[in-house]
Amino acid sequence: MSKKIQLMTLKCPRNIIKRDGSRMPFDAHKIRQAMASANNCVPSETLTSEELDQITGDVIQMLDYRQDPDVETVQDCVEEALM
């Protein structure tokens, strides 16, 4: 099973609460894209595509899919998953 399909099968929150308080559909691929962009800025510690997929999955599992997280909560989970 491809990583993209695996991410889609995880139970994700329906929405994310943005900084301005608006709600948008939750998109796990945006988390992965943000980590990939940041990863490209640190060439000395580059993560593989598989590692980025795993960390994205870890972040999703940290979130309670029954509640809509805010952006800061997602960022905190990303930081925790990276450590």
PDB file of N, CA and C in Angstrom:
ATOM      1  N   MET A   1       0.852  -1.173   0.000  1.00  0.00           N
ATOM      2  CA  MET A   1       0.000   0.000   0.000  1.00  0.00           C
ATOM      3  C   MET A   1       0.898   1.237   0.000  1.00  0.00           C
ATOM      4  N   SER A   2       0.602   2.197  -0.851  1.00  0.00           N
ATOM      5  CA  SER A   2       1.441   3.391  -0.932  1.00  0.00           C
ATOM      6  C   SER A   2       1.239   4.259   0.298  1.00  0.00           C
ATOM      7  N   LYS A   3       2.250   5.089   0.580  1.00  0.00           N
ATOM      8  CA  LYS A   3       2.182   5.979   1.735  1.00  0.00           C
ATOM      9  C   LYS A   3       1.027   6.961   1.601  1.00  0.00           C
ATOM     10  N   LYS A   4       0.768   7.437   0.386  1.00  0.00           N
ATOM     11  CA  LYS A   4      -0.327   8.382   0.176  1.00  0.00           C
ATOM     12  C   LYS A   4      -1.653   7.744   0.571  1.00  0.00           C
ATOM     13  N   ILE A   5      -1.855   6.494   0.188  1.00  0.00           N
ATOM     14  CA  ILE A   5      -3.087   5.796   0.546  1.00  0.00           C
ATOM     15  C   ILE A   5      -3.124   5.550   2.043  1.00  0.00           C
ATOM     16  N   GLN A   6      -1.988   5.210   2.649  1.00  0.00           N
ATOM     17  CA  GLN A   6      -1.953   4.981   4.086  1.00  0.00           C
ATOM     18  C   GLN A   6      -2.344   6.236   4.847  1.00  0.00           C
ATOM     19  N   LEU A   7      -1.840   7.402   4.430  1.00  0.00           N
ATOM     20  CA  LEU A   7      -2.208   8.644   5.097  1.00  0.00           C
ATOM     21  C   LEU A   7      -3.704   8.892   4.978  1.00  0.00           C
ATOM     22  N   MET A   8      -4.269   8.549   3.837  1.00  0.00           N
ATOM     23  CA  MET A   8      -5.687   8.787   3.622  1.00  0.00           C
ATOM     24  C   MET A   8      -6.549   7.863   4.474  1.00  0.00           C
ATOM     25  N   THR A   9      -6.032   6.711   4.891  1.00  0.00           N
ATOM     26  CA  THR A   9      -6.821   5.767   5.665  1.00  0.00           C
ATOM     27  C   THR A   9      -6.757   6.034   7.163  1.00  0.00           C
ATOM     28  N   LEU A  10      -5.847   6.896   7.610  1.00  0.00           N
ATOM     29  CA  LEU A  10      -5.800   7.254   9.018  1.00  0.00           C
ATOM     30  C   LEU A  10      -7.014   8.105   9.357  1.00  0.00           C
ATOM     31  N   LYS A  11      -7.500   7.980  10.579  1.00  0.00           N
ATOM     32  CA  LYS A  11      -8.631   8.800  10.999  1.00  0.00           C
ATOM     33  C   LYS A  11      -8.123  10.204  11.296  1.00  0.00           C
ATOM     34  N   CYS A  12      -8.535  11.137  10.469  1.00  0.00           N
ATOM     35  CA  CYS A  12      -8.107  12.528  10.591  1.00  0.00           C
ATOM     36  C   CYS A  12      -9.266  13.376  11.092  1.00  0.00           C
ATOM     37  N   PRO A  13      -8.929  14.499  11.730  1.00  0.00           N
ATOM     38  CA  PRO A  13      -9.991  15.461  12.056  1.00  0.00           C
ATOM     39  C   PRO A  13     -10.668  15.925  10.760  1.00  0.00           C
ATOM     40  N   ARG A  14     -11.908  16.339  10.849  1.00  0.00           N
ATOM     41  CA  ARG A  14     -12.617  16.815   9.649  1.00  0.00           C
ATOM     42  C   ARG A  14     -12.107  18.180   9.214  1.00  0.00           C
ATOM     43  N   ASN A  15     -11.819  19.042  10.181  1.00  0.00           N
ATOM     44  CA  ASN A  15     -11.411  20.413   9.882  1.00  0.00           C
ATOM     45  C   ASN A  15     -10.212  20.806  10.715  1.00  0.00           C
ATOM     46  N   ILE A  16      -9.612  21.928  10.344  1.00  0.00           N
ATOM     47  CA  ILE A  16      -8.561  22.544  11.136  1.00  0.00           C
ATOM     48  C   ILE A  16      -8.991  23.985  11.382  1.00  0.00           C
ATOM     49  N   ILE A  17      -8.707  24.480  12.579  1.00  0.00           N
ATOM     50  CA  ILE A  17      -9.057  25.853  12.922  1.00  0.00           C
ATOM     51  C   ILE A  17      -7.844  26.722  12.639  1.00  0.00           C
ATOM     52  N   LYS A  18      -8.012  27.631  11.702  1.00  0.00           N
ATOM     53  CA  LYS A  18      -6.908  28.498  11.295  1.00  0.00           C
ATOM     54  C   LYS A  18      -6.706  29.607  12.323  1.00  0.00           C
ATOM     55  N   ARG A  19      -5.615  30.344  12.184  1.00  0.00           N
ATOM     56  CA  ARG A  19      -5.283  31.396  13.142  1.00  0.00           C
ATOM     57  C   ARG A  19      -6.366  32.476  13.250  1.00  0.00           C
ATOM     58  N   ASP A  20      -7.080  32.712  12.152  1.00  0.00           N
ATOM     59  CA  ASP A  20      -8.134  33.734  12.177  1.00  0.00           C
ATOM     60  C   ASP A  20      -9.462  33.189  12.708  1.00  0.00           C
ATOM     61  N   GLY A  21      -9.462  31.918  13.134  1.00  0.00           N
ATOM     62  CA  GLY A  21     -10.657  31.302  13.695  1.00  0.00           C
ATOM     63  C   GLY A  21     -11.526  30.581  12.677  1.00  0.00           C
ATOM     64  N   SER A  22     -11.224  30.737  11.405  1.00  0.00           N
ATOM     65  CA  SER A  22     -12.011  30.049  10.376  1.00  0.00           C
ATOM     66  C   SER A  22     -11.648  28.564  10.353  1.00  0.00           C
ATOM     67  N   ARG A  23     -12.559  27.782   9.836  1.00  0.00           N
ATOM     68  CA  ARG A  23     -12.345  26.337   9.730  1.00  0.00           C
ATOM     69  C   ARG A  23     -12.197  25.956   8.268  1.00  0.00           C
ATOM     70  N   MET A  24     -11.208  25.109   8.022  1.00  0.00           N
ATOM     71  CA  MET A  24     -10.948  24.611   6.669  1.00  0.00           C
ATOM     72  C   MET A  24     -10.875  23.092   6.752  1.00  0.00           C
ATOM     73  N   PRO A  25     -11.160  22.394   5.660  1.00  0.00           N
ATOM     74  CA  PRO A  25     -11.011  20.932   5.672  1.00  0.00           C
ATOM     75  C   PRO A  25      -9.571  20.541   6.037  1.00  0.00           C
ATOM     76  N   PHE A  26      -9.448  19.541   6.896  1.00  0.00           N
ATOM     77  CA  PHE A  26      -8.133  19.052   7.310  1.00  0.00           C
ATOM     78  C   PHE A  26      -7.487  18.330   6.138  1.00  0.00           C
ATOM     79  N   ASP A  27      -6.227  18.644   5.876  1.00  0.00           N
ATOM     80  CA  ASP A  27      -5.495  18.034   4.764  1.00  0.00           C
ATOM     81  C   ASP A  27      -4.123  17.594   5.266  1.00  0.00           C
ATOM     82  N   ALA A  28      -3.965  16.300   5.503  1.00  0.00           N
ATOM     83  CA  ALA A  28      -2.703  15.767   6.022  1.00  0.00           C
ATOM     84  C   ALA A  28      -1.542  16.033   5.079  1.00  0.00           C
ATOM     85  N   HIS A  29      -1.826  16.133   3.806  1.00  0.00           N
ATOM     86  CA  HIS A  29      -0.750  16.358   2.838  1.00  0.00           C
ATOM     87  C   HIS A  29      -0.144  17.750   2.985  1.00  0.00           C
ATOM     88  N   LYS A  30      -0.913  18.700   3.527  1.00  0.00           N
ATOM     89  CA  LYS A  30      -0.354  20.030   3.778  1.00  0.00           C
ATOM     90  C   LYS A  30       0.693  19.969   4.893  1.00  0.00           C
ATOM     91  N   ILE A  31       0.465  19.120   5.878  1.00  0.00           N
ATOM     92  CA  ILE A  31       1.448  18.938   6.950  1.00  0.00           C
ATOM     93  C   ILE A  31       2.734  18.381   6.351  1.00  0.00           C
ATOM     94  N   ARG A  32       2.593  17.365   5.512  1.00  0.00           N
ATOM     95  CA  ARG A  32       3.775  16.759   4.891  1.00  0.00           C
ATOM     96  C   ARG A  32       4.499  17.760   4.005  1.00  0.00           C
ATOM     97  N   GLN A  33       3.751  18.548   3.239  1.00  0.00           N
ATOM     98  CA  GLN A  33       4.369  19.549   2.364  1.00  0.00           C
ATOM     99  C   GLN A  33       5.132  20.591   3.175  1.00  0.00           C
ATOM    100  N   ALA A  34       4.565  21.028   4.284  1.00  0.00           N
ATOM    101  CA  ALA A  34       5.240  22.017   5.129  1.00  0.00           C
ATOM    102  C   ALA A  34       6.531  21.440   5.703  1.00  0.00           C
ATOM    103  N   MET A  35       6.483  20.177   6.146  1.00  0.00           N
ATOM    104  CA  MET A  35       7.702  19.550   6.667  1.00  0.00           C
ATOM    105  C   MET A  35       8.735  19.366   5.565  1.00  0.00           C
ATOM    106  N   ALA A  36       8.296  19.008   4.368  1.00  0.00           N
ATOM    107  CA  ALA A  36       9.226  18.828   3.247  1.00  0.00           C
ATOM    108  C   ALA A  36       9.896  20.151   2.892  1.00  0.00           C
ATOM    109  N   SER A  37       9.142  21.238   2.903  1.00  0.00           N
ATOM    110  CA  SER A  37       9.718  22.557   2.611  1.00  0.00           C
ATOM    111  C   SER A  37      10.753  22.938   3.664  1.00  0.00           C
ATOM    112  N   ALA A  38      10.411  22.727   4.926  1.00  0.00           N
ATOM    113  CA  ALA A  38      11.360  23.022   6.000  1.00  0.00           C
ATOM    114  C   ALA A  38      12.572  22.104   5.904  1.00  0.00           C
ATOM    115  N   ASN A  39      12.338  20.853   5.547  1.00  0.00           N
ATOM    116  CA  ASN A  39      13.410  19.870   5.406  1.00  0.00           C
ATOM    117  C   ASN A  39      14.420  20.297   4.344  1.00  0.00           C
ATOM    118  N   ASN A  40      13.943  20.895   3.283  1.00  0.00           N
ATOM    119  CA  ASN A  40      14.833  21.343   2.210  1.00  0.00           C
ATOM    120  C   ASN A  40      15.729  22.498   2.640  1.00  0.00           C
ATOM    121  N   CYS A  41      15.347  23.198   3.696  1.00  0.00           N
ATOM    122  CA  CYS A  41      16.144  24.327   4.191  1.00  0.00           C
ATOM    123  C   CYS A  41      17.284  23.875   5.096  1.00  0.00           C
ATOM    124  N   VAL A  42      17.305  22.597   5.473  1.00  0.00           N
ATOM    125  CA  VAL A  42      18.338  22.069   6.367  1.00  0.00           C
ATOM    126  C   VAL A  42      19.024  20.898   5.670  1.00  0.00           C
ATOM    127  N   PRO A  43      19.885  21.183   4.691  1.00  0.00           N
ATOM    128  CA  PRO A  43      20.486  20.100   3.907  1.00  0.00           C
ATOM    129  C   PRO A  43      21.370  19.154   4.721  1.00  0.00           C
ATOM    130  N   SER A  44      21.857  19.602   5.876  1.00  0.00           N
ATOM    131  CA  SER A  44      22.733  18.732   6.672  1.00  0.00           C
ATOM    132  C   SER A  44      21.963  17.612   7.366  1.00  0.00           C
ATOM    133  N   GLU A  45      20.643  17.758   7.511  1.00  0.00           N
ATOM    134  CA  GLU A  45      19.834  16.753   8.203  1.00  0.00           C
ATOM    135  C   GLU A  45      18.593  16.400   7.392  1.00  0.00           C
ATOM    136  N   THR A  46      18.773  16.114   6.131  1.00  0.00           N
ATOM    137  CA  THR A  46      17.644  15.855   5.245  1.00  0.00           C
ATOM    138  C   THR A  46      16.948  14.542   5.595  1.00  0.00           C
ATOM    139  N   LEU A  47      15.620  14.596   5.683  1.00  0.00           N
ATOM    140  CA  LEU A  47      14.811  13.409   5.918  1.00  0.00           C
ATOM    141  C   LEU A  47      14.417  12.802   4.576  1.00  0.00           C
ATOM    142  N   THR A  48      14.284  11.494   4.558  1.00  0.00           N
ATOM    143  CA  THR A  48      13.836  10.823   3.336  1.00  0.00           C
ATOM    144  C   THR A  48      12.326  11.003   3.184  1.00  0.00           C
ATOM    145  N   SER A  49      11.838  10.702   2.008  1.00  0.00           N
ATOM    146  CA  SER A  49      10.401  10.767   1.749  1.00  0.00           C
ATOM    147  C   SER A  49       9.646   9.814   2.680  1.00  0.00           C
ATOM    148  N   GLU A  50      10.215   8.650   2.915  1.00  0.00           N
ATOM    149  CA  GLU A  50       9.586   7.673   3.803  1.00  0.00           C
ATOM    150  C   GLU A  50       9.530   8.196   5.233  1.00  0.00           C
ATOM    151  N   GLU A  51      10.601   8.864   5.669  1.00  0.00           N
ATOM    152  CA  GLU A  51      10.611   9.432   7.021  1.00  0.00           C
ATOM    153  C   GLU A  51       9.563  10.538   7.154  1.00  0.00           C
ATOM    154  N   LEU A  52       9.434  11.365   6.124  1.00  0.00           N
ATOM    155  CA  LEU A  52       8.409  12.415   6.147  1.00  0.00           C
ATOM    156  C   LEU A  52       7.009  11.809   6.214  1.00  0.00           C
ATOM    157  N   ASP A  53       6.777  10.733   5.466  1.00  0.00           N
ATOM    158  CA  ASP A  53       5.480  10.052   5.516  1.00  0.00           C
ATOM    159  C   ASP A  53       5.215   9.497   6.910  1.00  0.00           C
ATOM    160  N   GLN A  54       6.225   8.897   7.510  1.00  0.00           N
ATOM    161  CA  GLN A  54       6.071   8.317   8.844  1.00  0.00           C
ATOM    162  C   GLN A  54       5.767   9.400   9.874  1.00  0.00           C
ATOM    163  N   ILE A  55       6.493  10.496   9.822  1.00  0.00           N
ATOM    164  CA  ILE A  55       6.278  11.586  10.775  1.00  0.00           C
ATOM    165  C   ILE A  55       4.886  12.182  10.589  1.00  0.00           C
ATOM    166  N   THR A  56       4.454  12.329   9.348  1.00  0.00           N
ATOM    167  CA  THR A  56       3.103  12.840   9.088  1.00  0.00           C
ATOM    168  C   THR A  56       2.063  11.912   9.708  1.00  0.00           C
ATOM    169  N   GLY A  57       2.243  10.621   9.540  1.00  0.00           N
ATOM    170  CA  GLY A  57       1.341   9.647  10.156  1.00  0.00           C
ATOM    171  C   GLY A  57       1.362   9.737  11.669  1.00  0.00           C
ATOM    172  N   ASP A  58       2.547   9.929  12.244  1.00  0.00           N
ATOM    173  CA  ASP A  58       2.665  10.075  13.696  1.00  0.00           C
ATOM    174  C   ASP A  58       1.894  11.298  14.183  1.00  0.00           C
ATOM    175  N   VAL A  59       2.012  12.401  13.446  1.00  0.00           N
ATOM    176  CA  VAL A  59       1.306  13.632  13.817  1.00  0.00           C
ATOM    177  C   VAL A  59      -0.204  13.394  13.792  1.00  0.00           C
ATOM    178  N   ILE A  60      -0.690  12.768  12.755  1.00  0.00           N
ATOM    179  CA  ILE A  60      -2.130  12.512  12.643  1.00  0.00           C
ATOM    180  C   ILE A  60      -2.616  11.646  13.795  1.00  0.00           C
ATOM    181  N   GLN A  61      -1.813  10.651  14.177  1.00  0.00           N
ATOM    182  CA  GLN A  61      -2.209   9.774  15.272  1.00  0.00           C
ATOM    183  C   GLN A  61      -2.217  10.506  16.610  1.00  0.00           C
ATOM    184  N   MET A  62      -1.414  11.559  16.754  1.00  0.00           N
ATOM    185  CA  MET A  62      -1.409  12.348  17.990  1.00  0.00           C
ATOM    186  C   MET A  62      -2.678  13.187  18.134  1.00  0.00           C
ATOM    187  N   LEU A  63      -3.283  13.524  17.008  1.00  0.00           N
ATOM    188  CA  LEU A  63      -4.468  14.377  17.030  1.00  0.00           C
ATOM    189  C   LEU A  63      -5.710  13.549  17.316  1.00  0.00           C
ATOM    190  N   ASP A  64      -6.647  14.137  18.043  1.00  0.00           N
ATOM    191  CA  ASP A  64      -7.929  13.484  18.299  1.00  0.00           C
ATOM    192  C   ASP A  64      -8.826  13.742  17.095  1.00  0.00           C
ATOM    193  N   TYR A  65      -9.101  12.708  16.327  1.00  0.00           N
ATOM    194  CA  TYR A  65      -9.865  12.885  15.091  1.00  0.00           C
ATOM    195  C   TYR A  65     -11.296  13.355  15.346  1.00  0.00           C
ATOM    196  N   ARG A  66     -11.766  13.250  16.587  1.00  0.00           N
ATOM    197  CA  ARG A  66     -13.135  13.669  16.898  1.00  0.00           C
ATOM    198  C   ARG A  66     -13.243  15.169  17.154  1.00  0.00           C
ATOM    199  N   GLN A  67     -12.093  15.839  17.293  1.00  0.00           N
ATOM    200  CA  GLN A  67     -12.089  17.280  17.546  1.00  0.00           C
ATOM    201  C   GLN A  67     -11.270  17.979  16.472  1.00  0.00           C
ATOM    202  N   ASP A  68     -11.685  19.180  16.118  1.00  0.00           N
ATOM    203  CA  ASP A  68     -10.938  19.963  15.142  1.00  0.00           C
ATOM    204  C   ASP A  68      -9.785  20.672  15.848  1.00  0.00           C
ATOM    205  N   PRO A  69      -8.538  20.366  15.486  1.00  0.00           N
ATOM    206  CA  PRO A  69      -7.392  21.022  16.128  1.00  0.00           C
ATOM    207  C   PRO A  69      -7.168  22.407  15.537  1.00  0.00           C
ATOM    208  N   ASP A  70      -6.485  23.247  16.304  1.00  0.00           N
ATOM    209  CA  ASP A  70      -6.069  24.522  15.730  1.00  0.00           C
ATOM    210  C   ASP A  70      -4.658  24.361  15.173  1.00  0.00           C
ATOM    211  N   VAL A  71      -4.237  25.334  14.399  1.00  0.00           N
ATOM    212  CA  VAL A  71      -2.934  25.267  13.729  1.00  0.00           C
ATOM    213  C   VAL A  71      -1.807  25.093  14.744  1.00  0.00           C
ATOM    214  N   GLU A  72      -1.896  25.797  15.874  1.00  0.00           N
ATOM    215  CA  GLU A  72      -0.835  25.712  16.877  1.00  0.00           C
ATOM    216  C   GLU A  72      -0.711  24.305  17.446  1.00  0.00           C
ATOM    217  N   THR A  73      -1.832  23.637  17.655  1.00  0.00           N
ATOM    218  CA  THR A  73      -1.802  22.258  18.156  1.00  0.00           C
ATOM    219  C   THR A  73      -1.110  21.340  17.155  1.00  0.00           C
ATOM    220  N   VAL A  74      -1.419  21.512  15.882  1.00  0.00           N
ATOM    221  CA  VAL A  74      -0.776  20.703  14.844  1.00  0.00           C
ATOM    222  C   VAL A  74       0.726  20.981  14.834  1.00  0.00           C
ATOM    223  N   GLN A  75       1.110  22.247  14.937  1.00  0.00           N
ATOM    224  CA  GLN A  75       2.536  22.589  14.961  1.00  0.00           C
ATOM    225  C   GLN A  75       3.228  21.963  16.164  1.00  0.00           C
ATOM    226  N   ASP A  76       2.573  21.975  17.323  1.00  0.00           N
ATOM    227  CA  ASP A  76       3.153  21.343  18.514  1.00  0.00           C
ATOM    228  C   ASP A  76       3.352  19.847  18.288  1.00  0.00           C
ATOM    229  N   CYS A  77       2.391  19.200  17.654  1.00  0.00           N
ATOM    230  CA  CYS A  77       2.507  17.767  17.369  1.00  0.00           C
ATOM    231  C   CYS A  77       3.647  17.488  16.394  1.00  0.00           C
ATOM    232  N   VAL A  78       3.813  18.350  15.396  1.00  0.00           N
ATOM    233  CA  VAL A  78       4.918  18.186  14.445  1.00  0.00           C
ATOM    234  C   VAL A  78       6.246  18.291  15.183  1.00  0.00           C
ATOM    235  N   GLU A  79       6.379  19.302  16.040  1.00  0.00           N
ATOM    236  CA  GLU A  79       7.625  19.459  16.800  1.00  0.00           C
ATOM    237  C   GLU A  79       7.898  18.238  17.655  1.00  0.00           C
ATOM    238  N   GLU A  80       6.871  17.736  18.333  1.00  0.00           N
ATOM    239  CA  GLU A  80       7.043  16.553  19.181  1.00  0.00           C
ATOM    240  C   GLU A  80       7.442  15.332  18.349  1.00  0.00           C
ATOM    241  N   ALA A  81       6.825  15.163  17.200  1.00  0.00           N
ATOM    242  CA  ALA A  81       7.132  14.013  16.340  1.00  0.00           C
ATOM    243  C   ALA A  81       8.551  14.084  15.788  1.00  0.00           C
ATOM    244  N   LEU A  82       9.053  15.283  15.586  1.00  0.00           N
ATOM    245  CA  LEU A  82      10.404  15.438  15.044  1.00  0.00           C
ATOM    246  C   LEU A  82      11.491  15.194  16.088  1.00  0.00           C
ATOM    247  N   MET A  83      11.140  15.280  17.354  1.00  0.00           N
ATOM    248  CA  MET A  83      12.153  15.124  18.417  1.00  0.00           C
ATOM    249  C   MET A  83      12.426  13.691  18.755  1.00  0.00           C
TER     250      MET A  83
END
